[in-house]
Amino acid sequence: MDGAKLEGKTVAEHIVDFLERREVKHVFGLCGHTNIAVLAALAESPIDFVTVRHEQIASHAADAYARVTDKASVVLSHLSPGLTNCATGVANAALDCIPMVVIAGDIPTHYYGKHPHQEVNLHADAAQWEIYRPFVKRAWRVDRADLMAEILEKAFHLAESGQPGPVLVNVPMDIFSEVIPSDSFDRIRDNTRALKKPSIDDESAREIVEALAKAENPVAYVGGGILLAQASEELREFVEHMGLPVAHSLMGKGALRDDHPLVLGMTGFWGTELVNQSCLNADYIFAVGTRFKEADCSSWYPGYTFNIPGSKVIHIDIEPQEIGRNYPTEIGVVADAKAALRVLNRVAREMYPDGFKRPALEQKIADFRTDFKARNLEMAISSAFPMMPERILADTRKALPEDAIITTDVGWNKNGVGQQFDILTPGSILTPGGFATMGFGPPGAIGAKLAAPDRVVLSLVGDGGFGQNPSMLATAVELDLGIIWLVMNNNAFGTIAGLQKAHYGLTYGTTFPGSAEAPANGPGYADIARAYGAEGHRLSAADELLPALEAAIASGKPTVLDVPMINNPTPTTGHWNILDIYSPDKDVSHVAT
């Protein structure tokens, strides 16, 4: 070995130095024999390694962490079983466009083709990185130590630019331990940290503003791209000036405060009559940062949420492939939502300085909200036990400060929250959208709390979702994270049980023995919490929930509240194609079980 190399550091040490320069504060992961060189380097670093008991917890926590920090999170994984355990959370991040850099250990390069310990090798050698190819933006296998610097640089840029998403940097363990000089890392020190995002030209902006100004029934339809671009304030200014009512996708919830006078609500299968009818009657739909996904669009069936063709579409998105994918588009613009809305706001004020007011529309929205709450009031204050889901959501909203961060999971805590739970601070709800991963919410809360330690963080989760990875409690207790997990416990995979009951008249494989009030030998979630060292309480009456939530918030301790819940279906006004598959020509959806 020559003198220059003797003076160098290991690749693992260079990686940690690189992460420090990028101001990475936390790395999520789990140890393995392929990545302990990186852990050894992290031991002397100000970066905190967040140890978990299952890699899926790491990737879900990192997902939520990136949503709150608006920067790429970092996951450190072991080879093969570690990487496959991690995959669900990485895929969830991919479908929700969350930036993440996964650094994974792999077999040594000198064992390629020999099928060493734990290698995935039934059909190809040295190919574990290909497992992630269907869902990451790019996967690299690093076969030369001197390429590590430029690959890491590319990885962060790619994860955070364009339509964000996860990337994989797959590193054979001998590469981690190779000693190299700092030249390749020094060369990228002064490179830009973030790429400039594309905007919109004035001519296109005037075309859009004029079309919306002349429209009789325009509707703004916004998705998670608004939140990814941190464009909530620019959106608010534009819709207020143009007088546009705002519909949103599931991932767009919280783009504006839900009590804003122009917010219609969430579209699609779980949308209300107001929002779906408003979209159906629109002559122009101004879509920003949305993919027009199936559940948000009632499986794209005309007559339920959108009538396109019919309504004309103006679509702004950072990813060209999303424009025109599901609906024909009259004006399509590839641009960052924040940058585009800044230009649109300036141009709109130049063209129409007085703006547009729609008092009749605002009154219609206000009247619908009043009526909707009145129709739900009986359930929202019901003393029934097991509890009504509406009462659980109502009491939770009362207990939480406006800027509390909510992580949802799947079922009532996602669909019902999207429909009925007011989000009052943009970006404060973290939901598994495209992958709809059961088990996202509880570990997601860990990432959210680490990213925003001074904010209240609550995980709304079903018993099915909480049961996926309860070992996340170990990490929360060890780090003393004052998170609240509210388990909406219907003793079932409730949404699927309701579907099966409606279409097949049974609940085989979708419910657990016993009932929500008296499960038969089922897990005691409060007992599980206490076994991990957290606080745990199982409620026995509806009136106990609000004081229990207030006490948990005040305590600042990790707390599980096990709340028995009636398995009522979330009301629907849209449509979902699976209903036609299960019961053709019949008007059935979910039922209570």
Foldseek 3Di string as FASTA:
>chain_A
DDPQLVPFAALLLVVLVVCVLLVAAEEEEEDDPLCVLNVVNCVPPNRYYQHFDWLCLRLLLQQLLCLLQLFAHEYEFEPAVRCVRNQVSQQLQQQLLGFYEYEYEDAAPVCWPVPDPRHPPPPHTPPRQVVNVVRFPEEDEDPDLLCVQVVVLVQRAQQNDQRHGYYYYYYYSVSRGRGHHCVSNVVCSPPDNYDDWFADDLVLLLVVLVVLLPWPQEAEEEALLLSSLVQLVLVVLLCVQAVHAYEYALRCAQSAWCPPLRYQFQAAFLADPRQQVSQQPGQEYEYEADLCDCRSCQNVDRPFRHDAVRREYAYEGLDPCSAPVRGDHDHYHNTRRNRHSVSSSVSNCVVPVRGDHDVVSSVVSVVVVVVVCVVCVCLCPPFDPLHALNVLLNLVLVQFDLQEAEEEADFCSRSVCRHPHTRGHRSRYHYSPPSSHQQSFPSNQVSNCVSPVPHAYEYEHEPRSCVPRVSSLLSCQVVQALYEYEYAYFQWLQQVQQQCCFQPVGRPPTGADDGLLDGDPDDDVQVSNVVSPFGGEEDDISVVNNVVSNVSVVVSGYYYYRRRYFSAHNDTRGHHCVVCVRPNPDPTHGGTD
